[in-house]
PDB file of N, CA and C in Angstrom:
ATOM      1  N   MET A   1     -15.247 -15.947  -0.699  1.00  0.00           N
ATOM      2  CA  MET A   1     -14.414 -15.032   0.491  1.00  0.00           C
ATOM      3  C   MET A   1     -15.212 -14.369   1.194  1.00  0.00           C
ATOM      4  N   ASN A   2     -14.660 -15.093   2.439  1.00  0.00           N
ATOM      5  CA  ASN A   2     -15.294 -13.808   3.579  1.00  0.00           C
ATOM      6  C   ASN A   2     -14.114 -12.209   3.847  1.00  0.00           C
ATOM      7  N   LYS A   3     -14.553 -11.505   4.217  1.00  0.00           N
ATOM      8  CA  LYS A   3     -14.021 -10.215   4.465  1.00  0.00           C
ATOM      9  C   LYS A   3     -12.348 -10.186   5.052  1.00  0.00           C
ATOM     10  N   GLU A   4     -11.714 -10.930   6.178  1.00  0.00           N
ATOM     11  CA  GLU A   4     -10.659 -11.440   6.827  1.00  0.00           C
ATOM     12  C   GLU A   4     -10.138 -11.953   5.371  1.00  0.00           C
ATOM     13  N   GLU A   5     -10.471 -12.866   4.657  1.00  0.00           N
ATOM     14  CA  GLU A   5      -9.785 -13.413   3.629  1.00  0.00           C
ATOM     15  C   GLU A   5      -9.554 -12.342   2.566  1.00  0.00           C
ATOM     16  N   ALA A   6     -10.627 -11.151   2.182  1.00  0.00           N
ATOM     17  CA  ALA A   6     -10.592 -10.332   1.251  1.00  0.00           C
ATOM     18  C   ALA A   6      -9.242  -9.675   1.454  1.00  0.00           C
ATOM     19  N   LYS A   7      -9.630  -8.860   3.364  1.00  0.00           N
ATOM     20  CA  LYS A   7      -8.225  -8.235   3.586  1.00  0.00           C
ATOM     21  C   LYS A   7      -7.210  -8.880   3.823  1.00  0.00           C
ATOM     22  N   ARG A   8      -7.066  -9.758   4.343  1.00  0.00           N
ATOM     23  CA  ARG A   8      -5.173 -10.776   3.685  1.00  0.00           C
ATOM     24  C   ARG A   8      -4.966 -10.514   2.356  1.00  0.00           C
ATOM     25  N   TYR A   9      -6.291 -10.888   1.261  1.00  0.00           N
ATOM     26  CA  TYR A   9      -5.599 -10.947   0.056  1.00  0.00           C
ATOM     27  C   TYR A   9      -4.871  -9.615  -0.394  1.00  0.00           C
ATOM     28  N   ILE A  10      -5.790  -8.508  -0.074  1.00  0.00           N
ATOM     29  CA  ILE A  10      -5.416  -6.776  -0.466  1.00  0.00           C
ATOM     30  C   ILE A  10      -4.011  -6.239  -0.017  1.00  0.00           C
ATOM     31  N   GLU A  11      -3.910  -6.572   1.547  1.00  0.00           N
ATOM     32  CA  GLU A  11      -2.676  -6.566   2.182  1.00  0.00           C
ATOM     33  C   GLU A  11      -1.574  -7.442   1.843  1.00  0.00           C
ATOM     34  N   GLU A  12      -1.415  -8.336   1.165  1.00  0.00           N
ATOM     35  CA  GLU A  12      -0.546  -9.364   0.615  1.00  0.00           C
ATOM     36  C   GLU A  12       0.110  -8.441  -1.095  1.00  0.00           C
ATOM     37  N   ARG A  13      -1.012  -7.643  -1.848  1.00  0.00           N
ATOM     38  CA  ARG A  13      -0.331  -7.175  -2.485  1.00  0.00           C
ATOM     39  C   ARG A  13      -0.135  -5.772  -2.798  1.00  0.00           C
ATOM     40  N   LEU A  14      -0.125  -5.156  -1.442  1.00  0.00           N
ATOM     41  CA  LEU A  14       0.482  -3.868  -1.567  1.00  0.00           C
ATOM     42  C   LEU A  14       1.993  -3.567  -1.490  1.00  0.00           C
ATOM     43  N   SER A  15       1.879  -3.005  -1.960  1.00  0.00           N
ATOM     44  CA  SER A  15       4.022  -2.511  -2.020  1.00  0.00           C
ATOM     45  C   SER A  15       4.103  -1.858  -0.846  1.00  0.00           C
ATOM     46  N   ASN A  16       5.386  -2.394  -0.179  1.00  0.00           N
ATOM     47  CA  ASN A  16       6.266  -1.773   1.119  1.00  0.00           C
ATOM     48  C   ASN A  16       5.864  -0.664   1.647  1.00  0.00           C
ATOM     49  N   SER A  17       5.362   0.873   0.940  1.00  0.00           N
ATOM     50  CA  SER A  17       5.368   2.196   1.131  1.00  0.00           C
ATOM     51  C   SER A  17       3.882   2.022   1.112  1.00  0.00           C
ATOM     52  N   ASP A  18       2.834   0.886   0.437  1.00  0.00           N
ATOM     53  CA  ASP A  18       1.577   1.043   0.870  1.00  0.00           C
ATOM     54  C   ASP A  18       0.965   1.249   2.278  1.00  0.00           C
ATOM     55  N   LYS A  19       0.111   1.424   2.579  1.00  0.00           N
ATOM     56  CA  LYS A  19      -1.117   1.379   3.911  1.00  0.00           C
ATOM     57  C   LYS A  19      -2.644   1.589   3.267  1.00  0.00           C
ATOM     58  N   LEU A  20      -2.775   0.511   4.092  1.00  0.00           N
ATOM     59  CA  LEU A  20      -4.091   0.082   3.742  1.00  0.00           C
ATOM     60  C   LEU A  20      -5.010   0.949   4.224  1.00  0.00           C
ATOM     61  N   VAL A  21      -6.110   1.569   3.659  1.00  0.00           N
ATOM     62  CA  VAL A  21      -7.056   2.688   4.689  1.00  0.00           C
ATOM     63  C   VAL A  21      -8.082   2.059   4.806  1.00  0.00           C
ATOM     64  N   GLY A  22      -8.743   1.473   3.746  1.00  0.00           N
ATOM     65  CA  GLY A  22      -9.996   0.976   3.986  1.00  0.00           C
ATOM     66  C   GLY A  22     -10.489   0.271   2.768  1.00  0.00           C
ATOM     67  N   TYR A  23     -11.504  -1.031   2.917  1.00  0.00           N
ATOM     68  CA  TYR A  23     -11.495  -1.665   2.148  1.00  0.00           C
ATOM     69  C   TYR A  23     -13.519  -1.987   2.078  1.00  0.00           C
ATOM     70  N   PHE A  24     -14.077  -2.595   0.799  1.00  0.00           N
ATOM     71  CA  PHE A  24     -15.043  -2.881   0.809  1.00  0.00           C
ATOM     72  C   PHE A  24     -15.262  -4.032  -0.174  1.00  0.00           C
ATOM     73  N   ILE A  25     -15.957  -4.841  -0.191  1.00  0.00           N
ATOM     74  CA  ILE A  25     -16.810  -5.704  -0.919  1.00  0.00           C
ATOM     75  C   ILE A  25     -17.804  -5.494  -1.448  1.00  0.00           C
ATOM     76  N   ALA A  26     -18.514  -5.278  -2.629  1.00  0.00           N
ATOM     77  CA  ALA A  26     -19.738  -5.158  -3.348  1.00  0.00           C
ATOM     78  C   ALA A  26     -19.442  -6.092  -4.208  1.00  0.00           C
ATOM     79  N   GLN A  27     -21.325  -6.829  -4.849  1.00  0.00           N
ATOM     80  CA  GLN A  27     -21.648  -7.491  -5.329  1.00  0.00           C
ATOM     81  C   GLN A  27     -22.685  -7.230  -6.415  1.00  0.00           C
ATOM     82  N   GLY A  28     -22.366  -7.844  -7.785  1.00  0.00           N
ATOM     83  CA  GLY A  28     -23.462  -7.408  -8.421  1.00  0.00           C
ATOM     84  C   GLY A  28     -24.483  -7.903  -8.777  1.00  0.00           C
ATOM     85  N   PRO A  29     -25.591  -7.690  -8.914  1.00  0.00           N
ATOM     86  CA  PRO A  29     -27.007  -8.455  -9.302  1.00  0.00           C
ATOM     87  C   PRO A  29     -26.893  -9.205 -10.551  1.00  0.00           C
ATOM     88  N   PHE A  30     -27.697 -10.539 -10.589  1.00  0.00           N
ATOM     89  CA  PHE A  30     -26.803 -11.142 -11.870  1.00  0.00           C
ATOM     90  C   PHE A  30     -28.219 -10.302 -12.967  1.00  0.00           C
ATOM     91  N   PRO A  31     -28.159 -10.965 -13.781  1.00  0.00           N
ATOM     92  CA  PRO A  31     -29.487 -10.605 -14.817  1.00  0.00           C
ATOM     93  C   PRO A  31     -30.540 -11.504 -14.729  1.00  0.00           C
ATOM     94  N   ILE A  32     -31.424 -10.823 -14.770  1.00  0.00           N
ATOM     95  CA  ILE A  32     -33.378 -11.354 -13.918  1.00  0.00           C
ATOM     96  C   ILE A  32     -33.249 -12.660 -15.254  1.00  0.00           C
ATOM     97  N   TRP A  33     -32.721 -12.397 -16.301  1.00  0.00           N
ATOM     98  CA  TRP A  33     -33.092 -13.435 -17.155  1.00  0.00           C
ATOM     99  C   TRP A  33     -32.201 -14.781 -17.173  1.00  0.00           C
ATOM    100  N   TRP A  34     -31.296 -14.509 -16.035  1.00  0.00           N
ATOM    101  CA  TRP A  34     -30.683 -16.110 -15.762  1.00  0.00           C
ATOM    102  C   TRP A  34     -31.559 -16.763 -14.958  1.00  0.00           C
ATOM    103  N   PHE A  35     -32.071 -15.549 -13.848  1.00  0.00           N
ATOM    104  CA  PHE A  35     -33.256 -16.142 -12.598  1.00  0.00           C
ATOM    105  C   PHE A  35     -34.441 -17.187 -13.424  1.00  0.00           C
ATOM    106  N   LEU A  36     -34.907 -16.263 -14.831  1.00  0.00           N
ATOM    107  CA  LEU A  36     -36.249 -17.054 -15.545  1.00  0.00           C
ATOM    108  C   LEU A  36     -35.194 -18.486 -16.022  1.00  0.00           C
ATOM    109  N   LEU A  37     -33.671 -18.163 -16.779  1.00  0.00           N
ATOM    110  CA  LEU A  37     -33.758 -19.607 -17.441  1.00  0.00           C
ATOM    111  C   LEU A  37     -33.321 -21.000 -16.513  1.00  0.00           C
ATOM    112  N   LEU A  38     -32.019 -19.962 -15.492  1.00  0.00           N
ATOM    113  CA  LEU A  38     -31.889 -21.442 -14.584  1.00  0.00           C
ATOM    114  C   LEU A  38     -32.421 -21.447 -13.295  1.00  0.00           C
ATOM    115  N   GLY A  39     -33.676 -20.326 -12.729  1.00  0.00           N
ATOM    116  CA  GLY A  39     -33.657 -20.448 -11.504  1.00  0.00           C
ATOM    117  C   GLY A  39     -32.775 -20.093 -10.679  1.00  0.00           C
ATOM    118  N   PRO A  40     -32.979 -21.077  -9.303  1.00  0.00           N
ATOM    119  CA  PRO A  40     -31.763 -20.547  -8.240  1.00  0.00           C
ATOM    120  C   PRO A  40     -30.239 -21.094  -8.514  1.00  0.00           C
ATOM    121  N   PHE A  41     -30.172 -21.458  -9.686  1.00  0.00           N
ATOM    122  CA  PHE A  41     -28.933 -21.611  -9.943  1.00  0.00           C
ATOM    123  C   PHE A  41     -28.062 -20.398 -10.692  1.00  0.00           C
ATOM    124  N   GLY A  42     -29.054 -19.256 -10.837  1.00  0.00           N
ATOM    125  CA  GLY A  42     -28.854 -18.135 -11.494  1.00  0.00           C
ATOM    126  C   GLY A  42     -27.847 -17.080 -10.689  1.00  0.00           C
ATOM    127  N   ALA A  43     -27.812 -17.593  -8.788  1.00  0.00           N
ATOM    128  CA  ALA A  43     -27.181 -16.775  -8.170  1.00  0.00           C
ATOM    129  C   ALA A  43     -25.781 -17.393  -8.639  1.00  0.00           C
ATOM    130  N   LEU A  44     -25.324 -18.372  -9.352  1.00  0.00           N
ATOM    131  CA  LEU A  44     -24.000 -18.570  -9.405  1.00  0.00           C
ATOM    132  C   LEU A  44     -23.282 -17.523 -10.403  1.00  0.00           C
ATOM    133  N   PHE A  45     -24.065 -16.864 -11.243  1.00  0.00           N
ATOM    134  CA  PHE A  45     -23.392 -15.927 -12.011  1.00  0.00           C
ATOM    135  C   PHE A  45     -23.211 -14.630 -11.525  1.00  0.00           C
ATOM    136  N   LEU A  46     -23.468 -14.092  -9.896  1.00  0.00           N
ATOM    137  CA  LEU A  46     -22.928 -12.838  -9.380  1.00  0.00           C
ATOM    138  C   LEU A  46     -22.216 -12.592  -9.079  1.00  0.00           C
ATOM    139  N   LYS A  47     -21.652 -11.318  -9.369  1.00  0.00           N
ATOM    140  CA  LYS A  47     -20.169 -10.786  -9.842  1.00  0.00           C
ATOM    141  C   LYS A  47     -19.564  -9.911  -8.639  1.00  0.00           C
ATOM    142  N   THR A  48     -18.352 -10.672  -7.679  1.00  0.00           N
ATOM    143  CA  THR A  48     -17.803  -9.829  -6.566  1.00  0.00           C
ATOM    144  C   THR A  48     -16.454  -8.907  -6.751  1.00  0.00           C
ATOM    145  N   TYR A  49     -16.816  -7.554  -6.305  1.00  0.00           N
ATOM    146  CA  TYR A  49     -15.437  -6.734  -6.466  1.00  0.00           C
ATOM    147  C   TYR A  49     -15.293  -6.160  -5.337  1.00  0.00           C
ATOM    148  N   TYR A  50     -13.926  -6.302  -5.517  1.00  0.00           N
ATOM    149  CA  TYR A  50     -13.204  -5.957  -3.968  1.00  0.00           C
ATOM    150  C   TYR A  50     -12.306  -4.492  -4.458  1.00  0.00           C
ATOM    151  N   TYR A  51     -12.879  -3.600  -3.594  1.00  0.00           N
ATOM    152  CA  TYR A  51     -12.357  -2.395  -3.729  1.00  0.00           C
ATOM    153  C   TYR A  51     -11.465  -1.962  -2.577  1.00  0.00           C
ATOM    154  N   SER A  52     -10.225  -1.119  -2.790  1.00  0.00           N
ATOM    155  CA  SER A  52      -9.523  -0.878  -1.988  1.00  0.00           C
ATOM    156  C   SER A  52      -8.906   0.765  -1.806  1.00  0.00           C
ATOM    157  N   SER A  53      -8.911   1.096  -0.883  1.00  0.00           N
ATOM    158  CA  SER A  53      -7.932   2.461  -0.600  1.00  0.00           C
ATOM    159  C   SER A  53      -6.970   2.892  -0.181  1.00  0.00           C
ATOM    160  N   ASN A  54      -5.659   2.579  -0.821  1.00  0.00           N
ATOM    161  CA  ASN A  54      -4.241   2.853   0.660  1.00  0.00           C
ATOM    162  C   ASN A  54      -3.862   4.206  -0.046  1.00  0.00           C
ATOM    163  N   GLN A  55      -2.620   4.436   1.005  1.00  0.00           N
ATOM    164  CA  GLN A  55      -1.823   5.586   0.455  1.00  0.00           C
ATOM    165  C   GLN A  55      -0.964   5.031  -0.054  1.00  0.00           C
TER     166      GLN A  55
END
């Protein structure tokens, strides 16, 4: 999901009285043992988090 899709996703789930102040996307690293075990396929286990701030 790119930034524009993430913004639409967040805005769709806000209540009518809320206003989006800001948001960001964070990715957590995958454990090194996944890379050693699976090689490049270890990147499939990256976790993506979407944080938003609203009023």
